[in-house]
């Protein structure tokens, strides 16, 4: 059985330096939406500069991947389009 494509939108567990929420968007291939969320949480965790994630998910005291809040999971690899912020 081949894996399905998913797009996942997460929110970081802490606010950024400006006190605003920050999101992470990633594509993955997985057997289920739950597996897709887990894959992208680990990806977001690594991208956030956390130094180590071993095979059991231990995180040496940093924010665990599970703390990234799920906002949405979509079937397929959806591409986001940039828009001109000066236009309404």
C-alpha atoms as a PDB file:
ATOM      1  CA  UNK A   1       0.000   0.000   0.000  1.00  0.00           C
ATOM      2  CA  UNK A   2       1.462   3.345  -1.003  1.00  0.00           C
ATOM      3  CA  UNK A   3       1.540   6.261   1.379  1.00  0.00           C
ATOM      4  CA  UNK A   4      -0.767   9.237   0.848  1.00  0.00           C
ATOM      5  CA  UNK A   5       0.335  12.846   0.466  1.00  0.00           C
ATOM      6  CA  UNK A   6      -0.626  15.330   3.193  1.00  0.00           C
ATOM      7  CA  UNK A   7      -0.108  19.008   3.977  1.00  0.00           C
ATOM      8  CA  UNK A   8       0.041  19.975   7.661  1.00  0.00           C
ATOM      9  CA  UNK A   9      -0.191  23.400   9.306  1.00  0.00           C
ATOM     10  CA  UNK A  10       1.142  23.710  12.861  1.00  0.00           C
ATOM     11  CA  UNK A  11       1.561  26.545  15.343  1.00  0.00           C
ATOM     12  CA  UNK A  12       4.747  26.823  17.394  1.00  0.00           C
ATOM     13  CA  UNK A  13       4.156  26.321  21.137  1.00  0.00           C
ATOM     14  CA  UNK A  14       5.711  29.694  22.008  1.00  0.00           C
ATOM     15  CA  UNK A  15       5.221  33.190  20.629  1.00  0.00           C
ATOM     16  CA  UNK A  16       7.951  34.702  18.466  1.00  0.00           C
ATOM     17  CA  UNK A  17      10.154  37.638  19.506  1.00  0.00           C
ATOM     18  CA  UNK A  18       7.371  40.101  18.598  1.00  0.00           C
ATOM     19  CA  UNK A  19       4.885  38.282  20.868  1.00  0.00           C
ATOM     20  CA  UNK A  20       2.930  36.873  17.923  1.00  0.00           C
ATOM     21  CA  UNK A  21       2.050  33.286  17.016  1.00  0.00           C
ATOM     22  CA  UNK A  22       4.229  31.602  14.401  1.00  0.00           C
ATOM     23  CA  UNK A  23       3.228  28.748  12.110  1.00  0.00           C
ATOM     24  CA  UNK A  24       4.993  25.914  10.313  1.00  0.00           C
ATOM     25  CA  UNK A  25       3.659  24.365   7.090  1.00  0.00           C
ATOM     26  CA  UNK A  26       4.991  21.090   5.765  1.00  0.00           C
ATOM     27  CA  UNK A  27       4.328  18.342   3.253  1.00  0.00           C
ATOM     28  CA  UNK A  28       4.722  14.669   4.026  1.00  0.00           C
ATOM     29  CA  UNK A  29       3.718  11.217   2.883  1.00  0.00           C
ATOM     30  CA  UNK A  30       2.099   8.930   5.454  1.00  0.00           C
ATOM     31  CA  UNK A  31      -0.342   6.076   5.968  1.00  0.00           C
ATOM     32  CA  UNK A  32      -2.777   8.251   7.945  1.00  0.00           C
ATOM     33  CA  UNK A  33      -3.460  11.875   8.920  1.00  0.00           C
ATOM     34  CA  UNK A  34      -2.152  11.121  12.433  1.00  0.00           C
ATOM     35  CA  UNK A  35       1.143   9.842  11.048  1.00  0.00           C
ATOM     36  CA  UNK A  36       1.355  12.913   8.795  1.00  0.00           C
ATOM     37  CA  UNK A  37       0.967  15.227  11.798  1.00  0.00           C
ATOM     38  CA  UNK A  38       3.651  13.320  13.705  1.00  0.00           C
ATOM     39  CA  UNK A  39       6.031  13.536  10.723  1.00  0.00           C
ATOM     40  CA  UNK A  40       5.591  17.282  10.312  1.00  0.00           C
ATOM     41  CA  UNK A  41       5.801  17.935  14.063  1.00  0.00           C
ATOM     42  CA  UNK A  42       9.234  16.273  14.073  1.00  0.00           C
ATOM     43  CA  UNK A  43      10.217  18.298  11.000  1.00  0.00           C
ATOM     44  CA  UNK A  44       9.076  21.567  12.638  1.00  0.00           C
ATOM     45  CA  UNK A  45      10.892  20.627  15.847  1.00  0.00           C
ATOM     46  CA  UNK A  46      14.135  20.072  13.923  1.00  0.00           C
ATOM     47  CA  UNK A  47      13.675  23.307  11.953  1.00  0.00           C
ATOM     48  CA  UNK A  48      13.208  25.231  15.204  1.00  0.00           C
ATOM     49  CA  UNK A  49      16.835  24.516  16.051  1.00  0.00           C
ATOM     50  CA  UNK A  50      16.331  21.755  18.611  1.00  0.00           C
ATOM     51  CA  UNK A  51      19.611  19.862  18.665  1.00  0.00           C
ATOM     52  CA  UNK A  52      18.580  16.230  18.931  1.00  0.00           C
ATOM     53  CA  UNK A  53      15.648  13.864  18.454  1.00  0.00           C
ATOM     54  CA  UNK A  54      16.524  10.235  19.022  1.00  0.00           C
ATOM     55  CA  UNK A  55      14.635   7.173  17.772  1.00  0.00           C
ATOM     56  CA  UNK A  56      12.356   7.206  20.829  1.00  0.00           C
ATOM     57  CA  UNK A  57      11.461  10.896  20.561  1.00  0.00           C
ATOM     58  CA  UNK A  58      13.581  12.038  23.520  1.00  0.00           C
ATOM     59  CA  UNK A  59      14.359  15.727  23.243  1.00  0.00           C
ATOM     60  CA  UNK A  60      17.065  16.466  25.833  1.00  0.00           C
ATOM     61  CA  UNK A  61      14.911  18.979  27.712  1.00  0.00           C
ATOM     62  CA  UNK A  62      13.832  21.181  24.797  1.00  0.00           C
ATOM     63  CA  UNK A  63      10.244  21.662  23.635  1.00  0.00           C
ATOM     64  CA  UNK A  64       8.848  18.283  22.558  1.00  0.00           C
ATOM     65  CA  UNK A  65       7.458  17.916  19.022  1.00  0.00           C
ATOM     66  CA  UNK A  66       4.021  17.098  20.478  1.00  0.00           C
ATOM     67  CA  UNK A  67       3.765  20.681  21.783  1.00  0.00           C
ATOM     68  CA  UNK A  68       3.398  22.048  18.242  1.00  0.00           C
ATOM     69  CA  UNK A  69      -0.350  22.746  17.959  1.00  0.00           C
ATOM     70  CA  UNK A  70      -2.223  21.256  15.019  1.00  0.00           C
ATOM     71  CA  UNK A  71      -4.157  23.871  13.038  1.00  0.00           C
ATOM     72  CA  UNK A  72      -5.046  21.818   9.935  1.00  0.00           C
ATOM     73  CA  UNK A  73      -4.200  18.700   7.957  1.00  0.00           C
ATOM     74  CA  UNK A  74      -5.151  18.437   4.268  1.00  0.00           C
ATOM     75  CA  UNK A  75      -5.109  15.590   1.767  1.00  0.00           C
ATOM     76  CA  UNK A  76      -2.511  16.192  -0.934  1.00  0.00           C
ATOM     77  CA  UNK A  77       0.404  18.575  -1.221  1.00  0.00           C
ATOM     78  CA  UNK A  78      -1.208  22.003  -1.298  1.00  0.00           C
ATOM     79  CA  UNK A  79       0.928  24.902  -2.470  1.00  0.00           C
ATOM     80  CA  UNK A  80       0.537  28.295  -0.827  1.00  0.00           C
ATOM     81  CA  UNK A  81       0.597  31.348  -3.042  1.00  0.00           C
ATOM     82  CA  UNK A  82       2.286  34.560  -2.043  1.00  0.00           C
ATOM     83  CA  UNK A  83       0.084  37.608  -2.170  1.00  0.00           C
ATOM     84  CA  UNK A  84       0.904  41.267  -2.216  1.00  0.00           C
ATOM     85  CA  UNK A  85       0.216  42.507   1.337  1.00  0.00           C
ATOM     86  CA  UNK A  86      -0.380  46.057   0.071  1.00  0.00           C
ATOM     87  CA  UNK A  87      -3.540  44.919  -1.719  1.00  0.00           C
ATOM     88  CA  UNK A  88      -6.787  44.295   0.217  1.00  0.00           C
END
